[in-house]
C-alpha atoms as a PDB file:
ATOM      1  CA  MET A   1    -200.345 103.970 -97.231  1.00  0.00           C
ATOM      2  CA  PRO A   2    -199.685 105.682 -93.888  1.00  0.00           C
ATOM      3  CA  VAL A   3    -198.900 103.582 -90.835  1.00  0.00           C
ATOM      4  CA  MET A   4    -201.630 103.839 -88.210  1.00  0.00           C
ATOM      5  CA  ARG A   5    -200.309 104.470 -84.751  1.00  0.00           C
ATOM      6  CA  GLU A   6    -202.306 103.472 -81.735  1.00  0.00           C
ATOM      7  CA  LYS A   7    -202.315 104.251 -78.047  1.00  0.00           C
ATOM      8  CA  LYS A   8    -201.615 101.479 -75.571  1.00  0.00           C
ATOM      9  CA  PRO A   9    -201.355 101.448 -71.780  1.00  0.00           C
ATOM     10  CA  ALA A  10    -197.815 101.933 -70.489  1.00  0.00           C
ATOM     11  CA  LEU A  11    -196.209 102.169 -67.087  1.00  0.00           C
ATOM     12  CA  VAL A  12    -194.558 105.549 -66.541  1.00  0.00           C
ATOM     13  CA  ILE A  13    -192.258 106.107 -63.548  1.00  0.00           C
ATOM     14  CA  THR A  14    -191.229 109.683 -62.749  1.00  0.00           C
ATOM     15  CA  PHE A  15    -188.194 110.963 -60.869  1.00  0.00           C
ATOM     16  CA  SER A  16    -187.344 114.068 -58.845  1.00  0.00           C
ATOM     17  CA  THR A  17    -183.847 114.388 -60.250  1.00  0.00           C
ATOM     18  CA  THR A  18    -181.996 113.607 -63.455  1.00  0.00           C
ATOM     19  CA  THR A  19    -179.491 111.625 -61.373  1.00  0.00           C
ATOM     20  CA  ASP A  20    -182.295 109.315 -60.174  1.00  0.00           C
ATOM     21  CA  ALA A  21    -183.563 108.846 -63.752  1.00  0.00           C
ATOM     22  CA  MET A  22    -180.076 108.058 -65.063  1.00  0.00           C
ATOM     23  CA  GLY A  23    -179.524 105.669 -62.152  1.00  0.00           C
ATOM     24  CA  MET A  24    -182.715 103.862 -63.134  1.00  0.00           C
ATOM     25  CA  GLU A  25    -181.491 103.528 -66.710  1.00  0.00           C
ATOM     26  CA  GLN A  26    -178.132 102.083 -65.639  1.00  0.00           C
ATOM     27  CA  PHE A  27    -179.760  99.751 -63.113  1.00  0.00           C
ATOM     28  CA  CYS A  28    -182.336  98.404 -65.574  1.00  0.00           C
ATOM     29  CA  HIS A  29    -179.726  97.789 -68.259  1.00  0.00           C
ATOM     30  CA  ARG A  30    -177.488  95.912 -65.788  1.00  0.00           C
ATOM     31  CA  GLN A  31    -180.418  93.854 -64.468  1.00  0.00           C
ATOM     32  CA  GLN A  32    -181.962  93.386 -67.947  1.00  0.00           C
ATOM     33  CA  LEU A  33    -185.245  94.927 -66.799  1.00  0.00           C
ATOM     34  CA  PRO A  34    -187.670  96.287 -69.402  1.00  0.00           C
ATOM     35  CA  GLY A  35    -188.169  99.909 -70.354  1.00  0.00           C
ATOM     36  CA  ARG A  36    -186.437 103.053 -71.511  1.00  0.00           C
ATOM     37  CA  LEU A  37    -186.072 106.719 -70.596  1.00  0.00           C
ATOM     38  CA  ILE A  38    -188.567 109.097 -72.208  1.00  0.00           C
ATOM     39  CA  PRO A  39    -189.476 112.760 -71.772  1.00  0.00           C
ATOM     40  CA  VAL A  40    -192.230 113.108 -69.166  1.00  0.00           C
ATOM     41  CA  PRO A  41    -195.589 112.938 -70.978  1.00  0.00           C
ATOM     42  CA  ARG A  42    -197.630 116.146 -71.067  1.00  0.00           C
ATOM     43  CA  GLU A  43    -200.420 114.530 -69.026  1.00  0.00           C
ATOM     44  CA  ILE A  44    -198.255 114.619 -65.903  1.00  0.00           C
ATOM     45  CA  SER A  45    -195.538 116.772 -64.417  1.00  0.00           C
ATOM     46  CA  ALA A  46    -192.379 115.589 -62.728  1.00  0.00           C
ATOM     47  CA  GLY A  47    -189.357 117.251 -61.239  1.00  0.00           C
ATOM     48  CA  CYS A  48    -186.633 116.374 -63.719  1.00  0.00           C
ATOM     49  CA  GLY A  49    -188.458 115.994 -67.030  1.00  0.00           C
ATOM     50  CA  LEU A  50    -187.399 112.359 -67.557  1.00  0.00           C
ATOM     51  CA  ALA A  51    -189.469 109.233 -66.941  1.00  0.00           C
ATOM     52  CA  TRP A  52    -189.098 105.476 -67.338  1.00  0.00           C
ATOM     53  CA  LYS A  53    -191.563 103.836 -69.728  1.00  0.00           C
ATOM     54  CA  ALA A  54    -192.154 100.096 -69.437  1.00  0.00           C
ATOM     55  CA  PRO A  55    -194.870  97.514 -70.046  1.00  0.00           C
ATOM     56  CA  VAL A  56    -197.740  97.730 -67.547  1.00  0.00           C
ATOM     57  CA  GLU A  57    -197.212  94.117 -66.483  1.00  0.00           C
ATOM     58  CA  ALA A  58    -193.658  94.982 -65.305  1.00  0.00           C
ATOM     59  CA  GLU A  59    -194.845  97.379 -62.579  1.00  0.00           C
ATOM     60  CA  GLY A  60    -194.553  94.947 -59.659  1.00  0.00           C
ATOM     61  CA  SER A  61    -191.163  93.555 -60.605  1.00  0.00           C
ATOM     62  CA  LEU A  62    -189.729  97.004 -61.410  1.00  0.00           C
ATOM     63  CA  THR A  63    -190.899  98.721 -58.218  1.00  0.00           C
ATOM     64  CA  GLN A  64    -189.754  95.770 -56.113  1.00  0.00           C
ATOM     65  CA  ALA A  65    -186.312  95.734 -57.762  1.00  0.00           C
ATOM     66  CA  MET A  66    -186.032  99.532 -57.422  1.00  0.00           C
ATOM     67  CA  ALA A  67    -186.928  99.400 -53.720  1.00  0.00           C
ATOM     68  CA  LEU A  68    -184.431  96.599 -53.034  1.00  0.00           C
ATOM     69  CA  ALA A  69    -181.714  98.548 -54.888  1.00  0.00           C
ATOM     70  CA  GLY A  70    -182.472 101.746 -52.952  1.00  0.00           C
ATOM     71  CA  LEU A  71    -183.493 103.710 -56.062  1.00  0.00           C
ATOM     72  CA  HIS A  72    -185.674 106.785 -55.601  1.00  0.00           C
ATOM     73  CA  TRP A  73    -188.678 107.615 -57.740  1.00  0.00           C
ATOM     74  CA  GLN A  74    -191.535 110.090 -57.541  1.00  0.00           C
ATOM     75  CA  GLU A  75    -194.689 108.392 -58.834  1.00  0.00           C
ATOM     76  CA  THR A  76    -195.899 105.552 -61.017  1.00  0.00           C
ATOM     77  CA  TYR A  77    -198.660 106.039 -63.579  1.00  0.00           C
ATOM     78  CA  ILE A  78    -200.511 103.934 -66.124  1.00  0.00           C
ATOM     79  CA  LEU A  79    -201.049 106.126 -69.186  1.00  0.00           C
ATOM     80  CA  GLU A  80    -202.347 105.602 -72.718  1.00  0.00           C
ATOM     81  CA  LEU A  81    -199.308 106.440 -74.876  1.00  0.00           C
ATOM     82  CA  TRP A  82    -198.655 106.293 -78.614  1.00  0.00           C
ATOM     83  CA  VAL A  83    -196.634 103.296 -79.735  1.00  0.00           C
END
């Protein structure tokens, strides 16, 4: 029997450069913040082609931590993505 996939809301943070995206990955791993790098979803376009995907409820804590750490990002989106 095939596994049914479903779409769920997810926070997607885009970056202008690959360096910014990689910096986000390193920062989040060090700080034990949720999420992972993904290719930018087709619904949006971003400069470097990489985005950070995290639970929607993490948006406030992630953007606050990123701002305090001096990280640069392009936009934040809430998108319905396959899980």
